[in-house]
Protein backbone atom coordinates (compact mmCIF):
# COMPACT_ATOMS: atom_id res chain seq x y z
CA UNK A 1 79.34 -56.38 16.33
CA UNK A 2 82.06 -55.50 18.83
CA UNK A 3 85.78 -56.02 18.42
CA UNK A 4 85.49 -59.05 20.68
CA UNK A 5 83.17 -60.79 18.16
CA UNK A 6 85.27 -60.45 15.01
CA UNK A 7 87.03 -63.53 13.62
CA UNK A 8 88.77 -64.41 10.36
CA UNK A 9 87.86 -67.24 7.98
CA UNK A 10 89.67 -69.72 10.21
CA UNK A 11 87.75 -68.61 13.28
CA UNK A 12 90.70 -66.77 14.84
CA UNK A 13 90.01 -63.43 16.61
CA UNK A 14 90.93 -60.34 14.59
CA UNK A 15 92.85 -57.47 16.20
CA UNK A 16 90.50 -54.52 16.04
CA UNK A 17 89.31 -51.51 17.98
CA UNK A 18 86.02 -50.77 19.70
CA UNK A 19 84.71 -47.39 20.82
CA UNK A 20 84.39 -46.36 24.46
CA UNK A 21 81.17 -44.52 23.59
CA UNK A 22 79.61 -47.73 22.26
CA UNK A 23 80.69 -49.63 25.37
CA UNK A 24 79.19 -46.93 27.56
CA UNK A 25 75.90 -47.25 25.68
CA UNK A 26 76.00 -51.00 26.18
CA UNK A 27 76.36 -50.58 29.95
CA UNK A 28 73.57 -48.01 30.23
CA UNK A 29 71.22 -50.22 28.20
CA UNK A 30 71.92 -53.27 30.37
CA UNK A 31 70.03 -54.05 33.57
CA UNK A 32 71.43 -53.12 36.98
CA UNK A 33 72.44 -56.12 39.08
CA UNK A 34 73.70 -54.48 42.28
CA UNK A 35 70.43 -53.06 43.52
CA UNK A 36 69.78 -50.22 41.09
CA UNK A 37 73.51 -49.80 40.35
CA UNK A 38 75.31 -51.01 37.23
CA UNK A 39 78.54 -52.48 38.58
CA UNK A 40 81.52 -52.50 36.18
CA UNK A 41 84.88 -54.11 36.98
CA UNK A 42 88.16 -53.39 35.17
CA UNK A 43 90.57 -56.14 36.22
CA UNK A 44 94.08 -57.18 35.21
CA UNK A 45 97.60 -57.28 36.58
CA UNK A 46 99.52 -54.27 37.90
CA UNK A 47 100.98 -52.16 35.11
CA UNK A 48 98.69 -53.59 32.44
CA UNK A 49 96.89 -50.30 31.68
CA UNK A 50 93.75 -50.78 33.80
CA UNK A 51 93.74 -47.28 35.24
CA UNK A 52 94.09 -45.66 31.82
CA UNK A 53 91.30 -47.79 30.39
CA UNK A 54 89.05 -47.07 33.40
CA UNK A 55 89.65 -43.32 33.16
CA UNK A 56 88.72 -43.24 29.48
CA UNK A 57 85.72 -45.49 29.98
CA UNK A 58 84.44 -43.43 32.92
CA UNK A 59 84.76 -40.29 30.79
CA UNK A 60 82.69 -41.92 28.03
CA UNK A 61 80.02 -42.95 30.53
CA UNK A 62 79.83 -39.41 31.94
CA UNK A 63 79.74 -37.96 28.42
CA UNK A 64 76.54 -39.88 27.75
CA UNK A 65 74.96 -38.66 30.98
CA UNK A 66 75.73 -41.40 33.50
CA UNK A 67 76.48 -40.66 37.16
CA UNK A 68 79.68 -42.66 37.74
CA UNK A 69 81.45 -43.52 40.98
CA UNK A 70 85.02 -44.50 40.03
CA UNK A 71 86.95 -46.43 42.69
CA UNK A 72 90.43 -47.96 42.63
CA UNK A 73 91.62 -51.10 44.37
CA UNK A 74 94.91 -49.34 45.19
CA UNK A 75 92.91 -47.11 47.55
CA UNK A 76 91.31 -50.14 49.24
CA UNK A 77 94.38 -52.30 49.84
CA UNK A 78 96.04 -52.43 53.24
CA UNK A 79 99.54 -52.36 51.75
CA UNK A 80 101.39 -54.73 49.44
CA UNK A 81 100.17 -58.04 50.89
CA UNK A 82 96.42 -57.40 51.02
CA UNK A 83 95.24 -58.80 47.68
CA UNK A 84 93.17 -61.43 49.45
CA UNK A 85 91.83 -59.22 52.21
CA UNK A 86 90.46 -55.98 50.80
CA UNK A 87 87.30 -57.44 49.32
CA UNK A 88 85.55 -58.05 52.64
CA UNK A 89 86.01 -54.40 53.62
CA UNK A 90 84.78 -53.29 50.21
CA UNK A 91 81.72 -55.54 50.51
CA UNK A 92 80.80 -54.22 53.95
CA UNK A 93 81.50 -50.57 53.29
CA UNK A 94 80.42 -50.10 49.68
CA UNK A 95 78.70 -53.03 47.98
CA UNK A 96 76.27 -53.95 50.77
CA UNK A 97 74.99 -50.39 51.26
CA UNK A 98 74.66 -49.72 47.52
CA UNK A 99 72.86 -53.02 47.09
CA UNK A 100 70.31 -51.75 49.60
CA UNK A 101 69.98 -48.36 47.94
CA UNK A 102 71.93 -46.33 50.50
CA UNK A 103 75.27 -44.55 50.28
CA UNK A 104 78.46 -46.41 51.07
CA UNK A 105 81.89 -45.34 52.34
CA UNK A 106 85.47 -46.53 52.55
CA UNK A 107 88.80 -45.42 53.96
CA UNK A 108 91.60 -44.69 51.49
CA UNK A 109 95.02 -46.20 52.07
CA UNK A 110 97.89 -43.73 52.32
CA UNK A 111 100.86 -45.46 50.65
CA UNK A 112 103.33 -42.89 51.92
CA UNK A 113 102.34 -43.25 55.56
CA UNK A 114 101.59 -46.98 55.33
CA UNK A 115 98.13 -46.76 56.89
CA UNK A 116 94.53 -45.87 56.16
CA UNK A 117 93.41 -42.27 56.31
CA UNK A 118 91.37 -41.39 59.39
CA UNK A 119 88.40 -40.03 57.45
CA UNK A 120 85.90 -41.84 55.28
CA UNK A 121 85.29 -41.28 51.57
CA UNK A 122 81.57 -41.31 50.78
CA UNK A 123 80.16 -43.21 47.81
CA UNK A 124 76.73 -41.84 46.90
CA UNK A 125 74.47 -44.30 45.11
CA UNK A 126 75.49 -43.95 41.44
CA UNK A 127 74.08 -45.17 38.18
CA UNK A 128 77.42 -46.87 37.47
CA UNK A 129 79.97 -48.09 40.01
CA UNK A 130 83.29 -48.59 38.20
CA UNK A 131 85.88 -50.51 40.23
CA UNK A 132 89.39 -50.66 38.75
CA UNK A 133 92.09 -52.92 40.06
CA UNK A 134 93.41 -56.41 40.64
CA UNK A 135 90.67 -58.81 41.71
CA UNK A 136 87.78 -56.48 40.87
CA UNK A 137 86.15 -59.02 38.51
CA UNK A 138 86.65 -61.99 40.83
CA UNK A 139 84.24 -64.91 40.79
CA UNK A 140 82.34 -63.68 43.85
CA UNK A 141 81.49 -60.40 42.14
CA UNK A 142 80.41 -61.73 38.75
CA UNK A 143 76.71 -62.34 39.45
CA UNK A 144 76.28 -58.61 40.15
CA UNK A 145 78.51 -57.26 37.37
CA UNK A 146 76.89 -55.52 34.42
CA UNK A 147 80.24 -55.58 32.59
CA UNK A 148 83.58 -57.20 33.37
CA UNK A 149 86.85 -56.26 31.63
CA UNK A 150 90.33 -57.76 31.81
CA UNK A 151 93.26 -55.63 30.61
CA UNK A 152 96.29 -57.67 29.46
CA UNK A 153 99.92 -56.77 28.76
CA UNK A 154 103.22 -58.72 28.73
CA UNK A 155 105.06 -59.14 32.01
CA UNK A 156 108.15 -57.19 30.93
CA UNK A 157 105.99 -54.24 29.87
CA UNK A 158 104.12 -54.25 33.16
CA UNK A 159 107.26 -54.42 35.29
CA UNK A 160 108.94 -51.65 33.28
CA UNK A 161 105.90 -49.43 33.82
CA UNK A 162 105.98 -50.18 37.53
CA UNK A 163 109.64 -49.28 37.84
CA UNK A 164 109.12 -46.07 35.85
CA UNK A 165 106.28 -45.06 38.17
CA UNK A 166 107.48 -46.29 41.58
CA UNK A 167 111.27 -46.54 41.20
CA UNK A 168 113.82 -49.34 41.48
CA UNK A 169 113.67 -49.22 45.26
CA UNK A 170 110.28 -50.96 45.08
CA UNK A 171 111.30 -53.72 42.66
CA UNK A 172 111.16 -56.31 45.45
CA UNK A 173 107.63 -55.27 46.42
CA UNK A 174 106.60 -55.37 42.77
CA UNK A 175 107.95 -58.87 42.15
CA UNK A 176 106.29 -60.17 45.32
CA UNK A 177 103.01 -58.52 44.30
CA UNK A 178 103.25 -60.09 40.85
CA UNK A 179 103.56 -63.51 42.50
CA UNK A 180 100.39 -62.81 44.49
CA UNK A 181 98.64 -61.83 41.25
CA UNK A 182 99.80 -65.02 39.54
CA UNK A 183 98.34 -67.13 42.35
CA UNK A 184 95.05 -65.21 42.35
CA UNK A 185 94.50 -65.39 38.59
CA UNK A 186 95.56 -69.03 38.39
CA UNK A 187 92.76 -69.85 40.82
CA UNK A 188 90.12 -67.37 39.66
CA UNK A 189 90.68 -67.73 35.87
CA UNK A 190 89.37 -64.20 35.49
CA UNK A 191 90.40 -63.61 31.87
CA UNK A 192 88.36 -66.62 30.73
CA UNK A 193 85.23 -65.42 32.53
CA UNK A 194 85.06 -61.70 31.70
CA UNK A 195 82.93 -60.07 29.01
CA UNK A 196 85.84 -58.25 27.38
CA UNK A 197 89.62 -58.66 27.15
CA UNK A 198 91.50 -55.46 26.26
CA UNK A 199 95.05 -55.02 24.99
CA UNK A 200 96.87 -52.79 27.48
CA UNK A 201 99.88 -52.35 25.18
CA UNK A 202 98.28 -52.00 21.72
CA UNK A 203 100.47 -51.67 18.65
CA UNK A 204 97.76 -51.20 16.01
CA UNK A 205 96.60 -47.79 14.81
CA UNK A 206 93.67 -46.43 16.83
CA UNK A 207 92.49 -43.32 18.70
CA UNK A 208 93.49 -44.17 22.30
CA UNK A 209 91.17 -41.62 23.91
CA UNK A 210 88.14 -42.86 22.00
CA UNK A 211 88.94 -46.52 21.27
CA UNK A 212 90.14 -49.67 23.01
CA UNK A 213 91.86 -52.58 21.27
CA UNK A 214 90.78 -56.20 21.53
CA UNK A 215 93.22 -58.19 23.64
CA UNK A 216 91.93 -61.73 23.19
CA UNK A 217 95.00 -62.75 21.20
CA UNK A 218 97.31 -61.13 23.75
CA UNK A 219 95.83 -62.93 26.73
CA UNK A 220 95.75 -66.27 24.92
CA UNK A 221 99.43 -65.80 24.12
CA UNK A 222 100.25 -65.06 27.74
CA UNK A 223 98.17 -68.10 28.83
CA UNK A 224 97.33 -66.25 32.04
CA UNK A 225 100.99 -66.78 32.95
């Protein structure tokens, strides 16, 4: 039984922790759906804790012997307004080749220069492709996903993290981006479709490097904003 399955006598989900190692074993035991690649998506709003979760999960997968290609939506976006546009480039450059059993490639976005780098980053065919970022578990990807995760955290927590990382000068960009996220998730209903909802701001005792905390109650409380 995973943390996502546990309920109390009234049928309400119980806040509990699951182990990254167990989740890694679950992925490796599941069938590949993107050619011979197990495609994993870690979705959620900016500042929710997706990158931290993905890093720990990728480490657990590698620790059990998996070859993991870890990609981030932030590297695929063409700036702050590209939430709806990056997927087609990702499909052409990475998903389509991997689906056919050949290496893929993509160009990383340079946020300081405001343009894509001139060179291409290769993506050798992995056992597990882990894509972290907003829109990674979208409806169009779900048939090929071995595991989909949504990381949830309150809006004020996410914005505070963004300001701490990027600075007050980018508050306007952040608030506009959050509006784009709201529109995307309102249409896609991602949190209701994924395999696992994770608490990105957990307050219960757990080992953060080895365990994740169930976020079903958190996301229900936020009502996908």
